[in-house]
Amino acid sequence: MKLTWKKKTNKDSIHKKRPLTSLYPHLPFEPRNDNSQPPNTTHQYSSENPSDSSDVNKLAQSFQAQGNKLAEDGEYREALGKWETALLLNPQNAVLHEQKAQILLELGDAWSALKAASRV
C-alpha cells in the first residue's frame, strides 16, 4: 500500500509569515524602551553571619541523623538522599563523604563510592 500526500497549491498556506514582534516583550535580555539604567547589582559578599552558619550546620546535622536512622533500618537509597542533602549544606564534612561511600559500596556502585570517598 502506497501513501501519498497532496501538495497544497496556495503558497500562502505553505509558508505562513510570522510577525516580527515578540510574544514576551518584557524578558530580561531584551532592550528596554525606557532610558532608565538597570540597578547596580554588584554586591560585596562578606563572610556569613555566624548565626546563619550555625543554622546551616544544625540543618546538615539533622539530615545526617535522619540518614543514619534510615541506614540502620536498611533503607540505603533514602539514607543516601538525606546524606547528599546534608553534603550540599556542609560539603566539608568528611564523615558524610565516608558514610556515602560505604552505602554506595553496599549498593554495588564502586566507582561512585570511590569518587565520594576521594572528595574530601
PDB file of N, CA and C in Angstrom:
ATOM      1  N   MET A   1       0.848  -1.172   0.000  1.00  0.00           N
ATOM      2  CA  MET A   1       0.000   0.000   0.000  1.00  0.00           C
ATOM      3  C   MET A   1       0.891   1.231   0.000  1.00  0.00           C
ATOM      4  N   LYS A   2       0.650   2.141  -0.886  1.00  0.00           N
ATOM      5  CA  LYS A   2       1.461   3.339  -1.019  1.00  0.00           C
ATOM      6  C   LYS A   2       0.656   4.540  -0.554  1.00  0.00           C
ATOM      7  N   LEU A   3       1.259   5.324   0.341  1.00  0.00           N
ATOM      8  CA  LEU A   3       0.603   6.528   0.837  1.00  0.00           C
ATOM      9  C   LEU A   3       1.245   7.745   0.204  1.00  0.00           C
ATOM     10  N   THR A   4       0.431   8.675  -0.206  1.00  0.00           N
ATOM     11  CA  THR A   4       0.940   9.928  -0.766  1.00  0.00           C
ATOM     12  C   THR A   4       0.185  11.087  -0.151  1.00  0.00           C
ATOM     13  N   TRP A   5       0.849  12.224  -0.144  1.00  0.00           N
ATOM     14  CA  TRP A   5       0.234  13.431   0.358  1.00  0.00           C
ATOM     15  C   TRP A   5       0.013  14.376  -0.807  1.00  0.00           C
ATOM     16  N   LYS A   6      -1.093  15.046  -0.758  1.00  0.00           N
ATOM     17  CA  LYS A   6      -1.384  16.011  -1.810  1.00  0.00           C
ATOM     18  C   LYS A   6      -0.687  17.324  -1.478  1.00  0.00           C
ATOM     19  N   LYS A   7      -0.132  17.944  -2.482  1.00  0.00           N
ATOM     20  CA  LYS A   7       0.524  19.228  -2.303  1.00  0.00           C
ATOM     21  C   LYS A   7      -0.518  20.330  -2.349  1.00  0.00           C
ATOM     22  N   LYS A   8      -0.321  21.309  -1.483  1.00  0.00           N
ATOM     23  CA  LYS A   8      -1.213  22.457  -1.493  1.00  0.00           C
ATOM     24  C   LYS A   8      -0.758  23.412  -2.588  1.00  0.00           C
ATOM     25  N   THR A   9      -1.706  23.964  -3.266  1.00  0.00           N
ATOM     26  CA  THR A   9      -1.371  24.841  -4.385  1.00  0.00           C
ATOM     27  C   THR A   9      -1.192  26.286  -3.955  1.00  0.00           C
ATOM     28  N   ASN A  10      -1.786  26.689  -2.882  1.00  0.00           N
ATOM     29  CA  ASN A  10      -1.701  28.065  -2.416  1.00  0.00           C
ATOM     30  C   ASN A  10      -0.402  28.257  -1.632  1.00  0.00           C
ATOM     31  N   LYS A  11       0.478  29.130  -2.099  1.00  0.00           N
ATOM     32  CA  LYS A  11       1.765  29.335  -1.441  1.00  0.00           C
ATOM     33  C   LYS A  11       1.611  29.932  -0.044  1.00  0.00           C
ATOM     34  N   ASP A  12       0.605  30.741   0.179  1.00  0.00           N
ATOM     35  CA  ASP A  12       0.415  31.362   1.485  1.00  0.00           C
ATOM     36  C   ASP A  12       0.090  30.336   2.560  1.00  0.00           C
ATOM     37  N   SER A  13      -0.553  29.270   2.191  1.00  0.00           N
ATOM     38  CA  SER A  13      -0.894  28.265   3.192  1.00  0.00           C
ATOM     39  C   SER A  13       0.315  27.417   3.571  1.00  0.00           C
ATOM     40  N   ILE A  14       1.312  27.341   2.697  1.00  0.00           N
ATOM     41  CA  ILE A  14       2.502  26.555   3.000  1.00  0.00           C
ATOM     42  C   ILE A  14       3.439  27.327   3.924  1.00  0.00           C
ATOM     43  N   HIS A  15       3.731  28.563   3.572  1.00  0.00           N
ATOM     44  CA  HIS A  15       4.677  29.368   4.342  1.00  0.00           C
ATOM     45  C   HIS A  15       3.939  30.527   4.991  1.00  0.00           C
ATOM     46  N   LYS A  16       3.626  30.371   6.246  1.00  0.00           N
ATOM     47  CA  LYS A  16       2.959  31.445   6.957  1.00  0.00           C
ATOM     48  C   LYS A  16       4.000  32.448   7.416  1.00  0.00           C
ATOM     49  N   LYS A  17       3.710  33.685   7.209  1.00  0.00           N
ATOM     50  CA  LYS A  17       4.593  34.750   7.663  1.00  0.00           C
ATOM     51  C   LYS A  17       4.267  35.051   9.116  1.00  0.00           C
ATOM     52  N   ARG A  18       5.285  35.055   9.929  1.00  0.00           N
ATOM     53  CA  ARG A  18       5.086  35.371  11.338  1.00  0.00           C
ATOM     54  C   ARG A  18       5.434  36.827  11.585  1.00  0.00           C
ATOM     55  N   PRO A  19       4.724  37.457  12.489  1.00  0.00           N
ATOM     56  CA  PRO A  19       5.057  38.851  12.792  1.00  0.00           C
ATOM     57  C   PRO A  19       6.412  38.930  13.497  1.00  0.00           C
ATOM     58  N   LEU A  20       7.069  40.053  13.369  1.00  0.00           N
ATOM     59  CA  LEU A  20       8.384  40.234  13.953  1.00  0.00           C
ATOM     60  C   LEU A  20       8.327  40.713  15.398  1.00  0.00           C
ATOM     61  N   THR A  21       7.162  40.829  15.955  1.00  0.00           N
ATOM     62  CA  THR A  21       7.049  41.260  17.342  1.00  0.00           C
ATOM     63  C   THR A  21       7.238  40.076  18.271  1.00  0.00           C
ATOM     64  N   SER A  22       7.709  40.367  19.434  1.00  0.00           N
ATOM     65  CA  SER A  22       7.962  39.327  20.419  1.00  0.00           C
ATOM     66  C   SER A  22       6.668  38.945  21.121  1.00  0.00           C
ATOM     67  N   LEU A  23       6.534  37.683  21.416  1.00  0.00           N
ATOM     68  CA  LEU A  23       5.367  37.235  22.166  1.00  0.00           C
ATOM     69  C   LEU A  23       5.496  37.594  23.637  1.00  0.00           C
ATOM     70  N   TYR A  24       6.733  37.716  24.111  1.00  0.00           N
ATOM     71  CA  TYR A  24       7.000  38.028  25.505  1.00  0.00           C
ATOM     72  C   TYR A  24       7.862  39.290  25.557  1.00  0.00           C
ATOM     73  N   PRO A  25       7.262  40.454  25.556  1.00  0.00           N
ATOM     74  CA  PRO A  25       8.038  41.680  25.391  1.00  0.00           C
ATOM     75  C   PRO A  25       8.886  42.085  26.596  1.00  0.00           C
ATOM     76  N   HIS A  26       8.679  41.538  27.755  1.00  0.00           N
ATOM     77  CA  HIS A  26       9.389  42.024  28.935  1.00  0.00           C
ATOM     78  C   HIS A  26      10.401  41.027  29.473  1.00  0.00           C
ATOM     79  N   LEU A  27      11.030  40.262  28.616  1.00  0.00           N
ATOM     80  CA  LEU A  27      12.061  39.346  29.069  1.00  0.00           C
ATOM     81  C   LEU A  27      13.311  40.135  29.438  1.00  0.00           C
ATOM     82  N   PRO A  28      14.097  39.644  30.369  1.00  0.00           N
ATOM     83  CA  PRO A  28      15.220  40.432  30.862  1.00  0.00           C
ATOM     84  C   PRO A  28      16.335  40.654  29.846  1.00  0.00           C
ATOM     85  N   PHE A  29      16.435  39.858  28.809  1.00  0.00           N
ATOM     86  CA  PHE A  29      17.524  40.028  27.862  1.00  0.00           C
ATOM     87  C   PHE A  29      17.169  40.904  26.680  1.00  0.00           C
ATOM     88  N   GLU A  30      15.961  41.414  26.643  1.00  0.00           N
ATOM     89  CA  GLU A  30      15.570  42.303  25.566  1.00  0.00           C
ATOM     90  C   GLU A  30      15.779  43.747  26.002  1.00  0.00           C
ATOM     91  N   PRO A  31      16.128  44.629  25.073  1.00  0.00           N
ATOM     92  CA  PRO A  31      16.360  46.027  25.456  1.00  0.00           C
ATOM     93  C   PRO A  31      15.066  46.684  25.904  1.00  0.00           C
ATOM     94  N   ARG A  32      15.228  47.556  26.856  1.00  0.00           N
ATOM     95  CA  ARG A  32      14.066  48.285  27.361  1.00  0.00           C
ATOM     96  C   ARG A  32      13.857  49.544  26.539  1.00  0.00           C
ATOM     97  N   ASN A  33      12.618  49.988  26.484  1.00  0.00           N
ATOM     98  CA  ASN A  33      12.308  51.203  25.749  1.00  0.00           C
ATOM     99  C   ASN A  33      12.569  52.447  26.578  1.00  0.00           C
ATOM    100  N   ASP A  34      12.489  52.323  27.895  1.00  0.00           N
ATOM    101  CA  ASP A  34      12.728  53.487  28.730  1.00  0.00           C
ATOM    102  C   ASP A  34      14.233  53.714  28.869  1.00  0.00           C
ATOM    103  N   ASN A  35      14.605  54.907  29.254  1.00  0.00           N
ATOM    104  CA  ASN A  35      16.016  55.277  29.350  1.00  0.00           C
ATOM    105  C   ASN A  35      16.588  55.047  30.735  1.00  0.00           C
ATOM    106  N   SER A  36      15.884  54.362  31.573  1.00  0.00           N
ATOM    107  CA  SER A  36      16.390  54.139  32.924  1.00  0.00           C
ATOM    108  C   SER A  36      17.497  53.100  32.902  1.00  0.00           C
ATOM    109  N   GLN A  37      18.444  53.290  33.772  1.00  0.00           N
ATOM    110  CA  GLN A  37      19.558  52.365  33.897  1.00  0.00           C
ATOM    111  C   GLN A  37      19.153  51.227  34.815  1.00  0.00           C
ATOM    112  N   PRO A  38      19.629  50.013  34.556  1.00  0.00           N
ATOM    113  CA  PRO A  38      19.320  48.921  35.479  1.00  0.00           C
ATOM    114  C   PRO A  38      19.998  49.178  36.816  1.00  0.00           C
ATOM    115  N   PRO A  39      19.406  48.706  37.889  1.00  0.00           N
ATOM    116  CA  PRO A  39      20.003  48.936  39.199  1.00  0.00           C
ATOM    117  C   PRO A  39      21.344  48.234  39.303  1.00  0.00           C
ATOM    118  N   ASN A  40      22.193  48.793  40.140  1.00  0.00           N
ATOM    119  CA  ASN A  40      23.512  48.213  40.345  1.00  0.00           C
ATOM    120  C   ASN A  40      23.348  46.898  41.093  1.00  0.00           C
ATOM    121  N   THR A  41      23.753  45.824  40.467  1.00  0.00           N
ATOM    122  CA  THR A  41      23.534  44.511  41.064  1.00  0.00           C
ATOM    123  C   THR A  41      24.793  43.919  41.655  1.00  0.00           C
ATOM    124  N   THR A  42      25.883  44.661  41.653  1.00  0.00           N
ATOM    125  CA  THR A  42      27.102  44.123  42.252  1.00  0.00           C
ATOM    126  C   THR A  42      27.014  44.287  43.757  1.00  0.00           C
ATOM    127  N   HIS A  43      27.310  43.232  44.450  1.00  0.00           N
ATOM    128  CA  HIS A  43      27.244  43.226  45.901  1.00  0.00           C
ATOM    129  C   HIS A  43      28.565  42.739  46.451  1.00  0.00           C
ATOM    130  N   GLN A  44      28.920  43.275  47.572  1.00  0.00           N
ATOM    131  CA  GLN A  44      30.078  42.777  48.295  1.00  0.00           C
ATOM    132  C   GLN A  44      29.560  41.752  49.285  1.00  0.00           C
ATOM    133  N   TYR A  45      29.953  40.517  49.088  1.00  0.00           N
ATOM    134  CA  TYR A  45      29.518  39.465  49.986  1.00  0.00           C
ATOM    135  C   TYR A  45      30.559  39.305  51.077  1.00  0.00           C
ATOM    136  N   SER A  46      30.134  39.538  52.276  1.00  0.00           N
ATOM    137  CA  SER A  46      31.037  39.361  53.401  1.00  0.00           C
ATOM    138  C   SER A  46      30.941  37.925  53.886  1.00  0.00           C
ATOM    139  N   SER A  47      31.717  37.616  54.881  1.00  0.00           N
ATOM    140  CA  SER A  47      31.638  36.266  55.430  1.00  0.00           C
ATOM    141  C   SER A  47      30.250  36.062  56.017  1.00  0.00           C
ATOM    142  N   GLU A  48      29.846  34.828  56.070  1.00  0.00           N
ATOM    143  CA  GLU A  48      28.490  34.532  56.524  1.00  0.00           C
ATOM    144  C   GLU A  48      28.294  34.981  57.963  1.00  0.00           C
ATOM    145  N   ASN A  49      27.080  35.315  58.254  1.00  0.00           N
ATOM    146  CA  ASN A  49      26.708  35.654  59.608  1.00  0.00           C
ATOM    147  C   ASN A  49      26.874  34.402  60.471  1.00  0.00           C
ATOM    148  N   PRO A  50      27.505  34.492  61.631  1.00  0.00           N
ATOM    149  CA  PRO A  50      27.716  33.291  62.440  1.00  0.00           C
ATOM    150  C   PRO A  50      26.429  32.558  62.790  1.00  0.00           C
ATOM    151  N   SER A  51      25.354  33.287  63.019  1.00  0.00           N
ATOM    152  CA  SER A  51      24.098  32.613  63.344  1.00  0.00           C
ATOM    153  C   SER A  51      23.572  31.841  62.134  1.00  0.00           C
ATOM    154  N   ASP A  52      23.794  32.378  60.923  1.00  0.00           N
ATOM    155  CA  ASP A  52      23.360  31.676  59.719  1.00  0.00           C
ATOM    156  C   ASP A  52      24.142  30.387  59.529  1.00  0.00           C
ATOM    157  N   SER A  53      25.449  30.434  59.748  1.00  0.00           N
ATOM    158  CA  SER A  53      26.258  29.228  59.555  1.00  0.00           C
ATOM    159  C   SER A  53      25.925  28.172  60.601  1.00  0.00           C
ATOM    160  N   SER A  54      25.591  28.598  61.820  1.00  0.00           N
ATOM    161  CA  SER A  54      25.223  27.603  62.829  1.00  0.00           C
ATOM    162  C   SER A  54      23.879  26.960  62.490  1.00  0.00           C
ATOM    163  N   ASP A  55      22.966  27.746  61.916  1.00  0.00           N
ATOM    164  CA  ASP A  55      21.685  27.181  61.486  1.00  0.00           C
ATOM    165  C   ASP A  55      21.888  26.179  60.355  1.00  0.00           C
ATOM    166  N   VAL A  56      22.782  26.492  59.434  1.00  0.00           N
ATOM    167  CA  VAL A  56      23.069  25.580  58.327  1.00  0.00           C
ATOM    168  C   VAL A  56      23.698  24.305  58.862  1.00  0.00           C
ATOM    169  N   ASN A  57      24.615  24.442  59.820  1.00  0.00           N
ATOM    170  CA  ASN A  57      25.249  23.257  60.405  1.00  0.00           C
ATOM    171  C   ASN A  57      24.239  22.397  61.152  1.00  0.00           C
ATOM    172  N   LYS A  58      23.314  23.043  61.865  1.00  0.00           N
ATOM    173  CA  LYS A  58      22.281  22.280  62.578  1.00  0.00           C
ATOM    174  C   LYS A  58      21.382  21.534  61.597  1.00  0.00           C
ATOM    175  N   LEU A  59      21.050  22.200  60.504  1.00  0.00           N
ATOM    176  CA  LEU A  59      20.209  21.560  59.496  1.00  0.00           C
ATOM    177  C   LEU A  59      20.947  20.388  58.848  1.00  0.00           C
ATOM    178  N   ALA A  60      22.230  20.570  58.562  1.00  0.00           N
ATOM    179  CA  ALA A  60      23.029  19.485  57.984  1.00  0.00           C
ATOM    180  C   ALA A  60      23.127  18.316  58.955  1.00  0.00           C
ATOM    181  N   GLN A  61      23.308  18.608  60.238  1.00  0.00           N
ATOM    182  CA  GLN A  61      23.369  17.542  61.241  1.00  0.00           C
ATOM    183  C   GLN A  61      22.037  16.814  61.346  1.00  0.00           C
ATOM    184  N   SER A  62      20.952  17.554  61.189  1.00  0.00           N
ATOM    185  CA  SER A  62      19.627  16.934  61.223  1.00  0.00           C
ATOM    186  C   SER A  62      19.455  15.960  60.053  1.00  0.00           C
ATOM    187  N   PHE A  63      19.850  16.389  58.855  1.00  0.00           N
ATOM    188  CA  PHE A  63      19.771  15.493  57.699  1.00  0.00           C
ATOM    189  C   PHE A  63      20.689  14.292  57.875  1.00  0.00           C
ATOM    190  N   GLN A  64      21.856  14.512  58.472  1.00  0.00           N
ATOM    191  CA  GLN A  64      22.779  13.399  58.700  1.00  0.00           C
ATOM    192  C   GLN A  64      22.173  12.395  59.674  1.00  0.00           C
ATOM    193  N   ALA A  65      21.544  12.880  60.737  1.00  0.00           N
ATOM    194  CA  ALA A  65      20.920  11.988  61.715  1.00  0.00           C
ATOM    195  C   ALA A  65      19.771  11.198  61.083  1.00  0.00           C
ATOM    196  N   GLN A  66      18.972  11.870  60.246  1.00  0.00           N
ATOM    197  CA  GLN A  66      17.885  11.170  59.558  1.00  0.00           C
ATOM    198  C   GLN A  66      18.439  10.087  58.635  1.00  0.00           C
ATOM    199  N   GLY A  67      19.524  10.413  57.937  1.00  0.00           N
ATOM    200  CA  GLY A  67      20.161   9.429  57.063  1.00  0.00           C
ATOM    201  C   GLY A  67      20.725   8.260  57.841  1.00  0.00           C
ATOM    202  N   ASN A  68      21.313   8.535  59.012  1.00  0.00           N
ATOM    203  CA  ASN A  68      21.846   7.461  59.851  1.00  0.00           C
ATOM    204  C   ASN A  68      20.742   6.502  60.274  1.00  0.00           C
ATOM    205  N   LYS A  69      19.600   7.059  60.664  1.00  0.00           N
ATOM    206  CA  LYS A  69      18.471   6.232  61.092  1.00  0.00           C
ATOM    207  C   LYS A  69      17.967   5.369  59.931  1.00  0.00           C
ATOM    208  N   LEU A  70      17.866   5.973  58.750  1.00  0.00           N
ATOM    209  CA  LEU A  70      17.404   5.218  57.583  1.00  0.00           C
ATOM    210  C   LEU A  70      18.391   4.119  57.211  1.00  0.00           C
ATOM    211  N   ALA A  71      19.681   4.395  57.327  1.00  0.00           N
ATOM    212  CA  ALA A  71      20.692   3.381  57.002  1.00  0.00           C
ATOM    213  C   ALA A  71      20.644   2.229  57.991  1.00  0.00           C
ATOM    214  N   GLU A  72      20.405   2.541  59.262  1.00  0.00           N
ATOM    215  CA  GLU A  72      20.283   1.480  60.269  1.00  0.00           C
ATOM    216  C   GLU A  72      19.087   0.585  59.985  1.00  0.00           C
ATOM    217  N   ASP A  73      18.033   1.174  59.410  1.00  0.00           N
ATOM    218  CA  ASP A  73      16.833   0.409  59.076  1.00  0.00           C
ATOM    219  C   ASP A  73      16.960  -0.315  57.739  1.00  0.00           C
ATOM    220  N   GLY A  74      18.088  -0.143  57.055  1.00  0.00           N
ATOM    221  CA  GLY A  74      18.308  -0.824  55.787  1.00  0.00           C
ATOM    222  C   GLY A  74      17.780  -0.093  54.572  1.00  0.00           C
ATOM    223  N   GLU A  75      17.324   1.116  54.740  1.00  0.00           N
ATOM    224  CA  GLU A  75      16.802   1.908  53.625  1.00  0.00           C
ATOM    225  C   GLU A  75      17.943   2.770  53.078  1.00  0.00           C
ATOM    226  N   TYR A  76      18.801   2.126  52.286  1.00  0.00           N
ATOM    227  CA  TYR A  76      20.047   2.758  51.873  1.00  0.00           C
ATOM    228  C   TYR A  76      19.840   3.903  50.885  1.00  0.00           C
ATOM    229  N   ARG A  77      18.949   3.744  49.951  1.00  0.00           N
ATOM    230  CA  ARG A  77      18.729   4.810  48.952  1.00  0.00           C
ATOM    231  C   ARG A  77      18.176   6.075  49.609  1.00  0.00           C
ATOM    232  N   GLU A  78      17.255   5.898  50.552  1.00  0.00           N
ATOM    233  CA  GLU A  78      16.697   7.048  51.249  1.00  0.00           C
ATOM    234  C   GLU A  78      17.761   7.721  52.111  1.00  0.00           C
ATOM    235  N   ALA A  79      18.586   6.907  52.755  1.00  0.00           N
ATOM    236  CA  ALA A  79      19.676   7.450  53.569  1.00  0.00           C
ATOM    237  C   ALA A  79      20.651   8.224  52.697  1.00  0.00           C
ATOM    238  N   LEU A  80      20.926   7.698  51.525  1.00  0.00           N
ATOM    239  CA  LEU A  80      21.830   8.366  50.600  1.00  0.00           C
ATOM    240  C   LEU A  80      21.294   9.741  50.208  1.00  0.00           C
ATOM    241  N   GLY A  81      19.995   9.830  50.002  1.00  0.00           N
ATOM    242  CA  GLY A  81      19.370  11.115  49.677  1.00  0.00           C
ATOM    243  C   GLY A  81      19.518  12.123  50.800  1.00  0.00           C
ATOM    244  N   LYS A  82      19.315  11.680  52.035  1.00  0.00           N
ATOM    245  CA  LYS A  82      19.462  12.583  53.186  1.00  0.00           C
ATOM    246  C   LYS A  82      20.909  13.050  53.325  1.00  0.00           C
ATOM    247  N   TRP A  83      21.845  12.125  53.139  1.00  0.00           N
ATOM    248  CA  TRP A  83      23.256  12.492  53.278  1.00  0.00           C
ATOM    249  C   TRP A  83      23.707  13.424  52.159  1.00  0.00           C
ATOM    250  N   GLU A  84      23.189  13.225  50.961  1.00  0.00           N
ATOM    251  CA  GLU A  84      23.547  14.130  49.869  1.00  0.00           C
ATOM    252  C   GLU A  84      23.012  15.530  50.129  1.00  0.00           C
ATOM    253  N   THR A  85      21.832  15.623  50.729  1.00  0.00           N
ATOM    254  CA  THR A  85      21.301  16.928  51.101  1.00  0.00           C
ATOM    255  C   THR A  85      22.177  17.574  52.161  1.00  0.00           C
ATOM    256  N   ALA A  86      22.602  16.790  53.137  1.00  0.00           N
ATOM    257  CA  ALA A  86      23.491  17.316  54.174  1.00  0.00           C
ATOM    258  C   ALA A  86      24.823  17.747  53.572  1.00  0.00           C
ATOM    259  N   LEU A  87      25.300  17.015  52.574  1.00  0.00           N
ATOM    260  CA  LEU A  87      26.560  17.390  51.924  1.00  0.00           C
ATOM    261  C   LEU A  87      26.429  18.678  51.122  1.00  0.00           C
ATOM    262  N   LEU A  88      25.252  18.948  50.597  1.00  0.00           N
ATOM    263  CA  LEU A  88      25.045  20.226  49.920  1.00  0.00           C
ATOM    264  C   LEU A  88      25.152  21.384  50.902  1.00  0.00           C
ATOM    265  N   LEU A  89      24.680  21.158  52.114  1.00  0.00           N
ATOM    266  CA  LEU A  89      24.738  22.197  53.135  1.00  0.00           C
ATOM    267  C   LEU A  89      26.119  22.312  53.762  1.00  0.00           C
ATOM    268  N   ASN A  90      26.810  21.182  53.880  1.00  0.00           N
ATOM    269  CA  ASN A  90      28.120  21.162  54.529  1.00  0.00           C
ATOM    270  C   ASN A  90      29.050  20.233  53.745  1.00  0.00           C
ATOM    271  N   PRO A  91      29.621  20.718  52.637  1.00  0.00           N
ATOM    272  CA  PRO A  91      30.419  19.839  51.781  1.00  0.00           C
ATOM    273  C   PRO A  91      31.764  19.429  52.376  1.00  0.00           C
ATOM    274  N   GLN A  92      32.185  20.028  53.472  1.00  0.00           N
ATOM    275  CA  GLN A  92      33.476  19.698  54.078  1.00  0.00           C
ATOM    276  C   GLN A  92      33.378  18.609  55.133  1.00  0.00           C
ATOM    277  N   ASN A  93      32.205  18.029  55.327  1.00  0.00           N
ATOM    278  CA  ASN A  93      32.012  17.008  56.350  1.00  0.00           C
ATOM    279  C   ASN A  93      32.560  15.671  55.851  1.00  0.00           C
ATOM    280  N   ALA A  94      33.731  15.291  56.357  1.00  0.00           N
ATOM    281  CA  ALA A  94      34.402  14.066  55.907  1.00  0.00           C
ATOM    282  C   ALA A  94      33.626  12.817  56.295  1.00  0.00           C
ATOM    283  N   VAL A  95      32.952  12.854  57.438  1.00  0.00           N
ATOM    284  CA  VAL A  95      32.192  11.687  57.893  1.00  0.00           C
ATOM    285  C   VAL A  95      31.065  11.380  56.911  1.00  0.00           C
ATOM    286  N   LEU A  96      30.402  12.417  56.429  1.00  0.00           N
ATOM    287  CA  LEU A  96      29.316  12.208  55.465  1.00  0.00           C
ATOM    288  C   LEU A  96      29.833  11.609  54.164  1.00  0.00           C
ATOM    289  N   HIS A  97      30.977  12.075  53.706  1.00  0.00           N
ATOM    290  CA  HIS A  97      31.552  11.508  52.480  1.00  0.00           C
ATOM    291  C   HIS A  97      31.882  10.027  52.677  1.00  0.00           C
ATOM    292  N   GLU A  98      32.406   9.703  53.843  1.00  0.00           N
ATOM    293  CA  GLU A  98      32.764   8.310  54.137  1.00  0.00           C
ATOM    294  C   GLU A  98      31.515   7.438  54.238  1.00  0.00           C
ATOM    295  N   GLN A  99      30.466   7.939  54.894  1.00  0.00           N
ATOM    296  CA  GLN A  99      29.218   7.180  55.003  1.00  0.00           C
ATOM    297  C   GLN A  99      28.588   6.973  53.625  1.00  0.00           C
ATOM    298  N   LYS A 100      28.625   8.015  52.808  1.00  0.00           N
ATOM    299  CA  LYS A 100      28.078   7.910  51.458  1.00  0.00           C
ATOM    300  C   LYS A 100      28.842   6.851  50.663  1.00  0.00           C
ATOM    301  N   ALA A 101      30.161   6.826  50.804  1.00  0.00           N
ATOM    302  CA  ALA A 101      30.973   5.834  50.095  1.00  0.00           C
ATOM    303  C   ALA A 101      30.628   4.418  50.552  1.00  0.00           C
ATOM    304  N   GLN A 102      30.424   4.238  51.853  1.00  0.00           N
ATOM    305  CA  GLN A 102      30.081   2.905  52.361  1.00  0.00           C
ATOM    306  C   GLN A 102      28.743   2.421  51.803  1.00  0.00           C
ATOM    307  N   ILE A 103      27.761   3.314  51.777  1.00  0.00           N
ATOM    308  CA  ILE A 103      26.441   2.938  51.265  1.00  0.00           C
ATOM    309  C   ILE A 103      26.517   2.630  49.772  1.00  0.00           C
ATOM    310  N   LEU A 104      27.276   3.422  49.034  1.00  0.00           N
ATOM    311  CA  LEU A 104      27.410   3.158  47.603  1.00  0.00           C
ATOM    312  C   LEU A 104      28.082   1.817  47.350  1.00  0.00           C
ATOM    313  N   LEU A 105      29.030   1.437  48.202  1.00  0.00           N
ATOM    314  CA  LEU A 105      29.636   0.108  48.086  1.00  0.00           C
ATOM    315  C   LEU A 105      28.609  -0.981  48.363  1.00  0.00           C
ATOM    316  N   GLU A 106      27.764  -0.756  49.369  1.00  0.00           N
ATOM    317  CA  GLU A 106      26.705  -1.727  49.678  1.00  0.00           C
ATOM    318  C   GLU A 106      25.744  -1.889  48.503  1.00  0.00           C
ATOM    319  N   LEU A 107      25.497  -0.782  47.793  1.00  0.00           N
ATOM    320  CA  LEU A 107      24.572  -0.821  46.659  1.00  0.00           C
ATOM    321  C   LEU A 107      25.244  -1.337  45.388  1.00  0.00           C
ATOM    322  N   GLY A 108      26.558  -1.549  45.442  1.00  0.00           N
ATOM    323  CA  GLY A 108      27.262  -2.102  44.291  1.00  0.00           C
ATOM    324  C   GLY A 108      27.781  -1.073  43.311  1.00  0.00           C
ATOM    325  N   ASP A 109      27.839   0.176  43.706  1.00  0.00           N
ATOM    326  CA  ASP A 109      28.325   1.239  42.828  1.00  0.00           C
ATOM    327  C   ASP A 109      29.724   1.655  43.281  1.00  0.00           C
ATOM    328  N   ALA A 110      30.714   0.844  42.919  1.00  0.00           N
ATOM    329  CA  ALA A 110      32.076   1.050  43.413  1.00  0.00           C
ATOM    330  C   ALA A 110      32.695   2.337  42.884  1.00  0.00           C
ATOM    331  N   TRP A 111      32.437   2.675  41.634  1.00  0.00           N
ATOM    332  CA  TRP A 111      33.036   3.880  41.067  1.00  0.00           C
ATOM    333  C   TRP A 111      32.526   5.132  41.780  1.00  0.00           C
ATOM    334  N   SER A 112      31.234   5.227  42.015  1.00  0.00           N
ATOM    335  CA  SER A 112      30.684   6.378  42.737  1.00  0.00           C
ATOM    336  C   SER A 112      31.175   6.399  44.176  1.00  0.00           C
ATOM    337  N   ALA A 113      31.365   5.224  44.765  1.00  0.00           N
ATOM    338  CA  ALA A 113      31.894   5.151  46.126  1.00  0.00           C
ATOM    339  C   ALA A 113      33.315   5.693  46.170  1.00  0.00           C
ATOM    340  N   LEU A 114      34.107   5.366  45.177  1.00  0.00           N
ATOM    341  CA  LEU A 114      35.475   5.873  45.116  1.00  0.00           C
ATOM    342  C   LEU A 114      35.487   7.385  44.953  1.00  0.00           C
ATOM    343  N   LYS A 115      34.592   7.904  44.111  1.00  0.00           N
ATOM    344  CA  LYS A 115      34.514   9.354  43.925  1.00  0.00           C
ATOM    345  C   LYS A 115      34.065  10.038  45.208  1.00  0.00           C
ATOM    346  N   ALA A 116      33.098   9.449  45.904  1.00  0.00           N
ATOM    347  CA  ALA A 116      32.605  10.048  47.146  1.00  0.00           C
ATOM    348  C   ALA A 116      33.680  10.041  48.220  1.00  0.00           C
ATOM    349  N   ALA A 117      34.451   8.969  48.294  1.00  0.00           N
ATOM    350  CA  ALA A 117      35.483   8.867  49.323  1.00  0.00           C
ATOM    351  C   ALA A 117      36.647   9.805  49.050  1.00  0.00           C
ATOM    352  N   SER A 118      36.879  10.139  47.805  1.00  0.00           N
ATOM    353  CA  SER A 118      38.025  10.991  47.479  1.00  0.00           C
ATOM    354  C   SER A 118      37.667  12.464  47.365  1.00  0.00           C
ATOM    355  N   ARG A 119      36.467  12.846  47.713  1.00  0.00           N
ATOM    356  CA  ARG A 119      36.046  14.247  47.614  1.00  0.00           C
ATOM    357  C   ARG A 119      36.606  15.104  48.735  1.00  0.00           C
ATOM    358  N   VAL A 120      36.941  14.512  49.833  1.00  0.00           N
ATOM    359  CA  VAL A 120      37.384  15.296  50.988  1.00  0.00           C
ATOM    360  C   VAL A 120      38.805  15.725  50.821  1.00  0.00           C
TER     361      VAL A 120
END
